[in-house]
PDB file of N, CA and C in Angstrom:
ATOM      1  N   UNK A   1     -34.782   1.774 -50.979  1.00  0.00           N
ATOM      2  CA  UNK A   1     -34.792   2.235 -49.603  1.00  0.00           C
ATOM      3  C   UNK A   1     -35.427   3.621 -49.539  1.00  0.00           C
ATOM      4  N   UNK A   2     -36.275   3.741 -48.613  1.00  0.00           N
ATOM      5  CA  UNK A   2     -36.960   4.995 -48.400  1.00  0.00           C
ATOM      6  C   UNK A   2     -36.255   5.749 -47.280  1.00  0.00           C
ATOM      7  N   UNK A   3     -36.266   7.072 -47.337  1.00  0.00           N
ATOM      8  CA  UNK A   3     -35.612   7.874 -46.296  1.00  0.00           C
ATOM      9  C   UNK A   3     -36.298   7.683 -44.957  1.00  0.00           C
ATOM     10  N   UNK A   4     -37.573   7.323 -44.982  1.00  0.00           N
ATOM     11  CA  UNK A   4     -38.312   7.085 -43.757  1.00  0.00           C
ATOM     12  C   UNK A   4     -37.727   5.900 -42.981  1.00  0.00           C
ATOM     13  N   UNK A   5     -37.101   4.964 -43.669  1.00  0.00           N
ATOM     14  CA  UNK A   5     -36.489   3.807 -43.009  1.00  0.00           C
ATOM     15  C   UNK A   5     -35.325   4.199 -42.102  1.00  0.00           C
ATOM     16  N   UNK A   6     -34.665   5.310 -42.428  1.00  0.00           N
ATOM     17  CA  UNK A   6     -33.511   5.743 -41.631  1.00  0.00           C
ATOM     18  C   UNK A   6     -33.931   6.515 -40.377  1.00  0.00           C
ATOM     19  N   UNK A   7     -35.139   7.086 -40.375  1.00  0.00           N
ATOM     20  CA  UNK A   7     -35.565   7.928 -39.265  1.00  0.00           C
ATOM     21  C   UNK A   7     -36.761   7.366 -38.502  1.00  0.00           C
ATOM     22  N   UNK A   8     -37.010   6.113 -38.606  1.00  0.00           N
ATOM     23  CA  UNK A   8     -38.124   5.508 -37.868  1.00  0.00           C
ATOM     24  C   UNK A   8     -37.603   4.336 -37.045  1.00  0.00           C
ATOM     25  N   UNK A   9     -38.401   3.965 -36.045  1.00  0.00           N
ATOM     26  CA  UNK A   9     -38.037   2.860 -35.169  1.00  0.00           C
ATOM     27  C   UNK A   9     -38.984   1.691 -35.407  1.00  0.00           C
ATOM     28  N   UNK A  10     -38.474   0.506 -35.194  1.00  0.00           N
ATOM     29  CA  UNK A  10     -39.339  -0.664 -35.230  1.00  0.00           C
ATOM     30  C   UNK A  10     -40.088  -0.740 -33.894  1.00  0.00           C
ATOM     31  N   UNK A  11     -41.042  -1.620 -33.807  1.00  0.00           N
ATOM     32  CA  UNK A  11     -41.833  -1.745 -32.575  1.00  0.00           C
ATOM     33  C   UNK A  11     -40.944  -2.137 -31.392  1.00  0.00           C
ATOM     34  N   UNK A  12     -39.991  -3.017 -31.587  1.00  0.00           N
ATOM     35  CA  UNK A  12     -39.070  -3.429 -30.514  1.00  0.00           C
ATOM     36  C   UNK A  12     -38.168  -2.279 -30.086  1.00  0.00           C
ATOM     37  N   UNK A  13     -37.699  -1.486 -31.052  1.00  0.00           N
ATOM     38  CA  UNK A  13     -36.841  -0.351 -30.718  1.00  0.00           C
ATOM     39  C   UNK A  13     -37.622   0.699 -29.941  1.00  0.00           C
ATOM     40  N   UNK A  14     -38.879   0.897 -30.282  1.00  0.00           N
ATOM     41  CA  UNK A  14     -39.708   1.853 -29.542  1.00  0.00           C
ATOM     42  C   UNK A  14     -39.872   1.412 -28.099  1.00  0.00           C
ATOM     43  N   UNK A  15     -40.130   0.118 -27.880  1.00  0.00           N
ATOM     44  CA  UNK A  15     -40.259  -0.390 -26.518  1.00  0.00           C
ATOM     45  C   UNK A  15     -38.947  -0.211 -25.734  1.00  0.00           C
ATOM     46  N   UNK A  16     -37.828  -0.450 -26.384  1.00  0.00           N
ATOM     47  CA  UNK A  16     -36.525  -0.286 -25.734  1.00  0.00           C
ATOM     48  C   UNK A  16     -36.267   1.148 -25.327  1.00  0.00           C
ATOM     49  N   UNK A  17     -36.601   2.107 -26.210  1.00  0.00           N
ATOM     50  CA  UNK A  17     -36.399   3.526 -25.899  1.00  0.00           C
ATOM     51  C   UNK A  17     -37.293   3.928 -24.737  1.00  0.00           C
ATOM     52  N   UNK A  18     -38.548   3.482 -24.759  1.00  0.00           N
ATOM     53  CA  UNK A  18     -39.455   3.812 -23.664  1.00  0.00           C
ATOM     54  C   UNK A  18     -38.946   3.208 -22.358  1.00  0.00           C
ATOM     55  N   UNK A  19     -38.467   1.985 -22.391  1.00  0.00           N
ATOM     56  CA  UNK A  19     -37.939   1.336 -21.207  1.00  0.00           C
ATOM     57  C   UNK A  19     -36.728   2.103 -20.652  1.00  0.00           C
ATOM     58  N   UNK A  20     -35.797   2.512 -21.502  1.00  0.00           N
ATOM     59  CA  UNK A  20     -34.626   3.272 -21.052  1.00  0.00           C
ATOM     60  C   UNK A  20     -35.023   4.626 -20.493  1.00  0.00           C
ATOM     61  N   UNK A  21     -35.995   5.284 -21.104  1.00  0.00           N
ATOM     62  CA  UNK A  21     -36.458   6.572 -20.588  1.00  0.00           C
ATOM     63  C   UNK A  21     -37.096   6.410 -19.206  1.00  0.00           C
ATOM     64  N   UNK A  22     -37.836   5.317 -18.998  1.00  0.00           N
ATOM     65  CA  UNK A  22     -38.416   5.057 -17.681  1.00  0.00           C
ATOM     66  C   UNK A  22     -37.332   4.832 -16.628  1.00  0.00           C
ATOM     67  N   UNK A  23     -36.292   4.103 -16.989  1.00  0.00           N
ATOM     68  CA  UNK A  23     -35.180   3.876 -16.054  1.00  0.00           C
ATOM     69  C   UNK A  23     -34.506   5.200 -15.707  1.00  0.00           C
ATOM     70  N   UNK A  24     -34.264   6.032 -16.692  1.00  0.00           N
ATOM     71  CA  UNK A  24     -33.629   7.335 -16.455  1.00  0.00           C
ATOM     72  C   UNK A  24     -34.513   8.191 -15.563  1.00  0.00           C
ATOM     73  N   UNK A  25     -35.816   8.207 -15.827  1.00  0.00           N
ATOM     74  CA  UNK A  25     -36.748   8.983 -15.023  1.00  0.00           C
ATOM     75  C   UNK A  25     -36.781   8.487 -13.578  1.00  0.00           C
ATOM     76  N   UNK A  26     -36.791   7.188 -13.391  1.00  0.00           N
ATOM     77  CA  UNK A  26     -36.763   6.627 -12.039  1.00  0.00           C
ATOM     78  C   UNK A  26     -35.486   7.008 -11.296  1.00  0.00           C
ATOM     79  N   UNK A  27     -34.358   6.987 -11.974  1.00  0.00           N
ATOM     80  CA  UNK A  27     -33.099   7.377 -11.334  1.00  0.00           C
ATOM     81  C   UNK A  27     -33.088   8.857 -10.977  1.00  0.00           C
ATOM     82  N   UNK A  28     -33.628   9.686 -11.840  1.00  0.00           N
ATOM     83  CA  UNK A  28     -33.679  11.123 -11.566  1.00  0.00           C
ATOM     84  C   UNK A  28     -34.529  11.388 -10.323  1.00  0.00           C
ATOM     85  N   UNK A  29     -35.583  10.625 -10.150  1.00  0.00           N
ATOM     86  CA  UNK A  29     -36.446  10.798  -8.982  1.00  0.00           C
ATOM     87  C   UNK A  29     -35.834  10.144  -7.747  1.00  0.00           C
ATOM     88  N   UNK A  30     -35.242   8.985  -7.890  1.00  0.00           N
ATOM     89  CA  UNK A  30     -34.776   8.201  -6.746  1.00  0.00           C
ATOM     90  C   UNK A  30     -33.523   8.782  -6.097  1.00  0.00           C
ATOM     91  N   UNK A  31     -32.612   9.340  -6.860  1.00  0.00           N
ATOM     92  CA  UNK A  31     -31.345   9.816  -6.289  1.00  0.00           C
ATOM     93  C   UNK A  31     -31.573  10.928  -5.266  1.00  0.00           C
ATOM     94  N   UNK A  32     -32.370  11.964  -5.542  1.00  0.00           N
ATOM     95  CA  UNK A  32     -32.604  12.971  -4.486  1.00  0.00           C
ATOM     96  C   UNK A  32     -33.367  12.408  -3.277  1.00  0.00           C
ATOM     97  N   UNK A  33     -34.196  11.391  -3.493  1.00  0.00           N
ATOM     98  CA  UNK A  33     -34.959  10.819  -2.385  1.00  0.00           C
ATOM     99  C   UNK A  33     -34.092  10.016  -1.422  1.00  0.00           C
ATOM    100  N   UNK A  34     -32.931   9.560  -1.870  1.00  0.00           N
ATOM    101  CA  UNK A  34     -32.054   8.782  -0.984  1.00  0.00           C
ATOM    102  C   UNK A  34     -31.544   9.626   0.172  1.00  0.00           C
ATOM    103  N   UNK A  35     -31.435  10.949  -0.017  1.00  0.00           N
ATOM    104  CA  UNK A  35     -30.961  11.800   1.081  1.00  0.00           C
ATOM    105  C   UNK A  35     -31.969  11.849   2.219  1.00  0.00           C
ATOM    106  N   UNK A  36     -33.242  11.540   1.958  1.00  0.00           N
ATOM    107  CA  UNK A  36     -34.247  11.522   3.020  1.00  0.00           C
ATOM    108  C   UNK A  36     -34.044  10.349   3.965  1.00  0.00           C
ATOM    109  N   UNK A  37     -33.444   9.272   3.495  1.00  0.00           N
ATOM    110  CA  UNK A  37     -33.266   8.071   4.296  1.00  0.00           C
ATOM    111  C   UNK A  37     -31.920   8.001   5.008  1.00  0.00           C
ATOM    112  N   UNK A  38     -31.039   8.940   4.723  1.00  0.00           N
ATOM    113  CA  UNK A  38     -29.724   8.935   5.352  1.00  0.00           C
ATOM    114  C   UNK A  38     -29.819   9.542   6.746  1.00  0.00           C
ATOM    115  N   UNK A  39     -29.087   8.952   7.672  1.00  0.00           N
ATOM    116  CA  UNK A  39     -29.020   9.484   9.014  1.00  0.00           C
ATOM    117  C   UNK A  39     -27.743  10.291   9.161  1.00  0.00           C
ATOM    118  N   UNK A  40     -27.879  11.485   9.701  1.00  0.00           N
ATOM    119  CA  UNK A  40     -26.701  12.317   9.931  1.00  0.00           C
ATOM    120  C   UNK A  40     -26.070  11.893  11.245  1.00  0.00           C
ATOM    121  N   UNK A  41     -24.890  11.324  11.153  1.00  0.00           N
ATOM    122  CA  UNK A  41     -24.186  10.862  12.338  1.00  0.00           C
ATOM    123  C   UNK A  41     -22.988  11.758  12.585  1.00  0.00           C
ATOM    124  N   UNK A  42     -22.822  12.163  13.812  1.00  0.00           N
ATOM    125  CA  UNK A  42     -21.633  12.927  14.160  1.00  0.00           C
ATOM    126  C   UNK A  42     -20.558  11.934  14.594  1.00  0.00           C
ATOM    127  N   UNK A  43     -19.386  12.148  14.110  1.00  0.00           N
ATOM    128  CA  UNK A  43     -18.278  11.248  14.405  1.00  0.00           C
ATOM    129  C   UNK A  43     -17.447  11.855  15.529  1.00  0.00           C
ATOM    130  N   UNK A  44     -17.157  11.045  16.522  1.00  0.00           N
ATOM    131  CA  UNK A  44     -16.382  11.491  17.673  1.00  0.00           C
ATOM    132  C   UNK A  44     -14.904  11.232  17.400  1.00  0.00           C
ATOM    133  N   UNK A  45     -14.140  12.318  17.257  1.00  0.00           N
ATOM    134  CA  UNK A  45     -12.714  12.218  16.964  1.00  0.00           C
ATOM    135  C   UNK A  45     -11.858  12.373  18.224  1.00  0.00           C
ATOM    136  N   UNK A  46     -12.460  12.388  19.400  1.00  0.00           N
ATOM    137  CA  UNK A  46     -11.696  12.663  20.610  1.00  0.00           C
ATOM    138  C   UNK A  46     -10.644  11.584  20.877  1.00  0.00           C
ATOM    139  N   UNK A  47     -10.982  10.334  20.636  1.00  0.00           N
ATOM    140  CA  UNK A  47     -10.014   9.252  20.855  1.00  0.00           C
ATOM    141  C   UNK A  47      -8.842   9.381  19.877  1.00  0.00           C
ATOM    142  N   UNK A  48      -9.136   9.716  18.636  1.00  0.00           N
ATOM    143  CA  UNK A  48      -8.093   9.894  17.632  1.00  0.00           C
ATOM    144  C   UNK A  48      -7.205  11.084  17.982  1.00  0.00           C
ATOM    145  N   UNK A  49      -7.820  12.181  18.418  1.00  0.00           N
ATOM    146  CA  UNK A  49      -7.044  13.364  18.789  1.00  0.00           C
ATOM    147  C   UNK A  49      -6.169  13.091  20.011  1.00  0.00           C
ATOM    148  N   UNK A  50      -6.666  12.285  20.941  1.00  0.00           N
ATOM    149  CA  UNK A  50      -5.858  11.926  22.113  1.00  0.00           C
ATOM    150  C   UNK A  50      -4.658  11.085  21.701  1.00  0.00           C
ATOM    151  N   UNK A  51      -4.863  10.170  20.731  1.00  0.00           N
ATOM    152  CA  UNK A  51      -3.747   9.348  20.244  1.00  0.00           C
ATOM    153  C   UNK A  51      -2.712  10.220  19.544  1.00  0.00           C
ATOM    154  N   UNK A  52      -3.165  11.211  18.798  1.00  0.00           N
ATOM    155  CA  UNK A  52      -2.230  12.125  18.133  1.00  0.00           C
ATOM    156  C   UNK A  52      -1.440  12.917  19.161  1.00  0.00           C
ATOM    157  N   UNK A  53      -2.119  13.410  20.185  1.00  0.00           N
ATOM    158  CA  UNK A  53      -1.439  14.179  21.229  1.00  0.00           C
ATOM    159  C   UNK A  53      -0.394  13.315  21.940  1.00  0.00           C
ATOM    160  N   UNK A  54      -0.740  12.063  22.234  1.00  0.00           N
ATOM    161  CA  UNK A  54       0.206  11.142  22.881  1.00  0.00           C
ATOM    162  C   UNK A  54       1.417  10.896  21.983  1.00  0.00           C
ATOM    163  N   UNK A  55       1.162  10.692  20.699  1.00  0.00           N
ATOM    164  CA  UNK A  55       2.268  10.478  19.750  1.00  0.00           C
ATOM    165  C   UNK A  55       3.185  11.698  19.703  1.00  0.00           C
ATOM    166  N   UNK A  56       2.589  12.902  19.665  1.00  0.00           N
ATOM    167  CA  UNK A  56       3.414  14.111  19.609  1.00  0.00           C
ATOM    168  C   UNK A  56       4.237  14.284  20.880  1.00  0.00           C
ATOM    169  N   UNK A  57       3.667  13.925  22.045  1.00  0.00           N
ATOM    170  CA  UNK A  57       4.431  14.004  23.294  1.00  0.00           C
ATOM    171  C   UNK A  57       5.631  13.063  23.253  1.00  0.00           C
ATOM    172  N   UNK A  58       5.389  11.825  22.809  1.00  0.00           N
ATOM    173  CA  UNK A  58       6.484  10.855  22.731  1.00  0.00           C
ATOM    174  C   UNK A  58       7.541  11.296  21.732  1.00  0.00           C
ATOM    175  N   UNK A  59       7.108  11.840  20.593  1.00  0.00           N
ATOM    176  CA  UNK A  59       8.061  12.303  19.583  1.00  0.00           C
ATOM    177  C   UNK A  59       8.905  13.441  20.126  1.00  0.00           C
ATOM    178  N   UNK A  60       8.259  14.404  20.817  1.00  0.00           N
ATOM    179  CA  UNK A  60       8.999  15.529  21.381  1.00  0.00           C
ATOM    180  C   UNK A  60       9.964  15.062  22.468  1.00  0.00           C
ATOM    181  N   UNK A  61       9.550  14.082  23.278  1.00  0.00           N
ATOM    182  CA  UNK A  61      10.421  13.571  24.328  1.00  0.00           C
ATOM    183  C   UNK A  61      11.655  12.912  23.715  1.00  0.00           C
ATOM    184  N   UNK A  62      11.442  12.132  22.666  1.00  0.00           N
ATOM    185  CA  UNK A  62      12.568  11.438  22.023  1.00  0.00           C
ATOM    186  C   UNK A  62      13.522  12.439  21.388  1.00  0.00           C
ATOM    187  N   UNK A  63      12.977  13.429  20.694  1.00  0.00           N
ATOM    188  CA  UNK A  63      13.859  14.398  20.022  1.00  0.00           C
ATOM    189  C   UNK A  63      14.570  15.283  21.033  1.00  0.00           C
ATOM    190  N   UNK A  64      13.933  15.584  22.175  1.00  0.00           N
ATOM    191  CA  UNK A  64      14.583  16.422  23.184  1.00  0.00           C
ATOM    192  C   UNK A  64      15.590  15.640  24.012  1.00  0.00           C
ATOM    193  N   UNK A  65      15.388  14.335  24.154  1.00  0.00           N
ATOM    194  CA  UNK A  65      16.286  13.547  24.983  1.00  0.00           C
ATOM    195  C   UNK A  65      17.592  13.219  24.270  1.00  0.00           C
ATOM    196  N   UNK A  66      17.571  13.221  22.962  1.00  0.00           N
ATOM    197  CA  UNK A  66      18.807  12.936  22.226  1.00  0.00           C
ATOM    198  C   UNK A  66      19.716  14.154  22.295  1.00  0.00           C
ATOM    199  N   UNK A  67      20.978  13.899  22.565  1.00  0.00           N
ATOM    200  CA  UNK A  67      21.931  14.998  22.570  1.00  0.00           C
ATOM    201  C   UNK A  67      22.369  15.236  21.131  1.00  0.00           C
ATOM    202  N   UNK A  68      21.951  16.339  20.637  1.00  0.00           N
ATOM    203  CA  UNK A  68      22.277  16.651  19.238  1.00  0.00           C
ATOM    204  C   UNK A  68      23.480  17.578  19.212  1.00  0.00           C
ATOM    205  N   UNK A  69      24.444  17.188  18.439  1.00  0.00           N
ATOM    206  CA  UNK A  69      25.562  18.073  18.191  1.00  0.00           C
ATOM    207  C   UNK A  69      25.411  18.586  16.777  1.00  0.00           C
ATOM    208  N   UNK A  70      25.220  19.850  16.664  1.00  0.00           N
ATOM    209  CA  UNK A  70      25.022  20.430  15.341  1.00  0.00           C
ATOM    210  C   UNK A  70      26.358  20.516  14.613  1.00  0.00           C
ATOM    211  N   UNK A  71      26.362  20.217  13.344  1.00  0.00           N
ATOM    212  CA  UNK A  71      27.620  20.289  12.598  1.00  0.00           C
ATOM    213  C   UNK A  71      28.075  21.736  12.455  1.00  0.00           C
ATOM    214  N   UNK A  72      29.374  21.880  12.448  1.00  0.00           N
ATOM    215  CA  UNK A  72      29.967  23.198  12.246  1.00  0.00           C
ATOM    216  C   UNK A  72      30.291  23.312  10.759  1.00  0.00           C
ATOM    217  N   UNK A  73      29.742  24.323  10.139  1.00  0.00           N
ATOM    218  CA  UNK A  73      29.950  24.490   8.706  1.00  0.00           C
ATOM    219  C   UNK A  73      31.141  25.395   8.437  1.00  0.00           C
ATOM    220  N   UNK A  74      31.960  25.003   7.501  1.00  0.00           N
ATOM    221  CA  UNK A  74      33.123  25.790   7.100  1.00  0.00           C
ATOM    222  C   UNK A  74      33.507  25.372   5.688  1.00  0.00           C
ATOM    223  N   UNK A  75      34.283  26.180   5.051  1.00  0.00           N
ATOM    224  CA  UNK A  75      34.757  25.852   3.701  1.00  0.00           C
ATOM    225  C   UNK A  75      35.871  24.817   3.810  1.00  0.00           C
ATOM    226  N   UNK A  76      35.871  23.856   2.886  1.00  0.00           N
ATOM    227  CA  UNK A  76      36.882  22.813   2.930  1.00  0.00           C
ATOM    228  C   UNK A  76      37.090  22.242   1.541  1.00  0.00           C
ATOM    229  N   UNK A  77      38.203  21.589   1.384  1.00  0.00           N
ATOM    230  CA  UNK A  77      38.524  20.872   0.167  1.00  0.00           C
ATOM    231  C   UNK A  77      38.412  19.388   0.509  1.00  0.00           C
ATOM    232  N   UNK A  78      37.474  18.649  -0.088  1.00  0.00           N
ATOM    233  CA  UNK A  78      37.286  17.251   0.291  1.00  0.00           C
ATOM    234  C   UNK A  78      38.500  16.373   0.011  1.00  0.00           C
ATOM    235  N   UNK A  79      39.442  16.852  -0.797  1.00  0.00           N
ATOM    236  CA  UNK A  79      40.641  16.063  -1.090  1.00  0.00           C
ATOM    237  C   UNK A  79      41.692  16.190   0.001  1.00  0.00           C
ATOM    238  N   UNK A  80      41.649  17.273   0.765  1.00  0.00           N
ATOM    239  CA  UNK A  80      42.697  17.501   1.763  1.00  0.00           C
ATOM    240  C   UNK A  80      42.160  17.604   3.187  1.00  0.00           C
ATOM    241  N   UNK A  81      40.916  17.319   3.417  1.00  0.00           N
ATOM    242  CA  UNK A  81      40.318  17.487   4.743  1.00  0.00           C
ATOM    243  C   UNK A  81      40.774  16.363   5.680  1.00  0.00           C
ATOM    244  N   UNK A  82      40.944  16.690   6.964  1.00  0.00           N
ATOM    245  CA  UNK A  82      41.363  15.686   7.954  1.00  0.00           C
ATOM    246  C   UNK A  82      40.125  15.010   8.555  1.00  0.00           C
ATOM    247  N   UNK A  83      40.392  13.916   9.285  1.00  0.00           N
ATOM    248  CA  UNK A  83      39.280  13.187   9.903  1.00  0.00           C
ATOM    249  C   UNK A  83      38.541  14.047  10.929  1.00  0.00           C
ATOM    250  N   UNK A  84      39.254  14.846  11.708  1.00  0.00           N
ATOM    251  CA  UNK A  84      38.619  15.700  12.712  1.00  0.00           C
ATOM    252  C   UNK A  84      37.681  16.704  12.055  1.00  0.00           C
ATOM    253  N   UNK A  85      38.067  17.201  10.900  1.00  0.00           N
ATOM    254  CA  UNK A  85      37.205  18.165  10.200  1.00  0.00           C
ATOM    255  C   UNK A  85      35.954  17.487   9.647  1.00  0.00           C
ATOM    256  N   UNK A  86      36.085  16.216   9.233  1.00  0.00           N
ATOM    257  CA  UNK A  86      34.892  15.472   8.806  1.00  0.00           C
ATOM    258  C   UNK A  86      33.915  15.339   9.976  1.00  0.00           C
ATOM    259  N   UNK A  87      34.464  15.046  11.178  1.00  0.00           N
ATOM    260  CA  UNK A  87      33.611  14.920  12.359  1.00  0.00           C
ATOM    261  C   UNK A  87      32.931  16.244  12.691  1.00  0.00           C
ATOM    262  N   UNK A  88      33.640  17.360  12.516  1.00  0.00           N
ATOM    263  CA  UNK A  88      33.043  18.674  12.752  1.00  0.00           C
ATOM    264  C   UNK A  88      31.876  18.941  11.803  1.00  0.00           C
ATOM    265  N   UNK A  89      31.946  18.373  10.601  1.00  0.00           N
ATOM    266  CA  UNK A  89      30.861  18.543   9.636  1.00  0.00           C
ATOM    267  C   UNK A  89      29.653  17.658   9.957  1.00  0.00           C
ATOM    268  N   UNK A  90      29.785  16.769  10.932  1.00  0.00           N
ATOM    269  CA  UNK A  90      28.662  15.950  11.355  1.00  0.00           C
ATOM    270  C   UNK A  90      28.683  14.527  10.829  1.00  0.00           C
ATOM    271  N   UNK A  91      29.781  14.120  10.210  1.00  0.00           N
ATOM    272  CA  UNK A  91      29.866  12.743   9.712  1.00  0.00           C
ATOM    273  C   UNK A  91      30.193  11.795  10.851  1.00  0.00           C
ATOM    274  N   UNK A  92      29.757  10.571  10.701  1.00  0.00           N
ATOM    275  CA  UNK A  92      30.035   9.539  11.694  1.00  0.00           C
ATOM    276  C   UNK A  92      31.352   8.853  11.343  1.00  0.00           C
ATOM    277  N   UNK A  93      31.865   8.078  12.306  1.00  0.00           N
ATOM    278  CA  UNK A  93      33.167   7.449  12.134  1.00  0.00           C
ATOM    279  C   UNK A  93      33.191   6.521  10.921  1.00  0.00           C
ATOM    280  N   UNK A  94      32.130   5.716  10.741  1.00  0.00           N
ATOM    281  CA  UNK A  94      32.099   4.782   9.613  1.00  0.00           C
ATOM    282  C   UNK A  94      31.981   5.511   8.280  1.00  0.00           C
ATOM    283  N   UNK A  95      31.346   6.696   8.288  1.00  0.00           N
ATOM    284  CA  UNK A  95      31.246   7.464   7.050  1.00  0.00           C
ATOM    285  C   UNK A  95      32.607   8.041   6.662  1.00  0.00           C
ATOM    286  N   UNK A  96      33.329   8.535   7.658  1.00  0.00           N
ATOM    287  CA  UNK A  96      34.662   9.093   7.390  1.00  0.00           C
ATOM    288  C   UNK A  96      35.580   7.996   6.879  1.00  0.00           C
ATOM    289  N   UNK A  97      35.481   6.799   7.473  1.00  0.00           N
ATOM    290  CA  UNK A  97      36.306   5.683   7.026  1.00  0.00           C
ATOM    291  C   UNK A  97      36.008   5.323   5.576  1.00  0.00           C
ATOM    292  N   UNK A  98      34.714   5.301   5.224  1.00  0.00           N
ATOM    293  CA  UNK A  98      34.329   4.973   3.847  1.00  0.00           C
ATOM    294  C   UNK A  98      34.815   6.038   2.870  1.00  0.00           C
ATOM    295  N   UNK A  99      34.741   7.299   3.282  1.00  0.00           N
ATOM    296  CA  UNK A  99      35.228   8.392   2.401  1.00  0.00           C
ATOM    297  C   UNK A  99      36.726   8.281   2.204  1.00  0.00           C
ATOM    298  N   UNK A 100      37.449   7.990   3.261  1.00  0.00           N
ATOM    299  CA  UNK A 100      38.901   7.863   3.159  1.00  0.00           C
ATOM    300  C   UNK A 100      39.291   6.656   2.286  1.00  0.00           C
ATOM    301  N   UNK A 101      38.483   5.607   2.283  1.00  0.00           N
ATOM    302  CA  UNK A 101      38.786   4.456   1.458  1.00  0.00           C
ATOM    303  C   UNK A 101      38.703   4.782  -0.038  1.00  0.00           C
ATOM    304  N   UNK A 102      37.842   5.698  -0.388  1.00  0.00           N
ATOM    305  CA  UNK A 102      37.642   6.021  -1.813  1.00  0.00           C
ATOM    306  C   UNK A 102      38.336   7.302  -2.246  1.00  0.00           C
ATOM    307  N   UNK A 103      39.057   7.934  -1.367  1.00  0.00           N
ATOM    308  CA  UNK A 103      39.747   9.160  -1.780  1.00  0.00           C
ATOM    309  C   UNK A 103      41.208   8.920  -2.064  1.00  0.00           C
TER     310      UNK A 103
END
């Protein structure tokens, strides 16, 4: 074996390398040219923004229409707390019942 055999190409390999280089060269030229064919379109978001505004109005109406009773925070011992104190903390009747079942 000659060292030249390791650093030379056969005729088919030379054609393959030339073919791949041509493909790479074409891609390098073609990719920047694609921007010439693109149309710059402005997108109208007014309908989407109107839908968002409508959703926010409905959300605010729903949250404002509900009568919210804020829980009253105080120190307590969960082992000795009464049902009325659970309600003051903001628990619902079924939650207090479930807590009492497991205490």
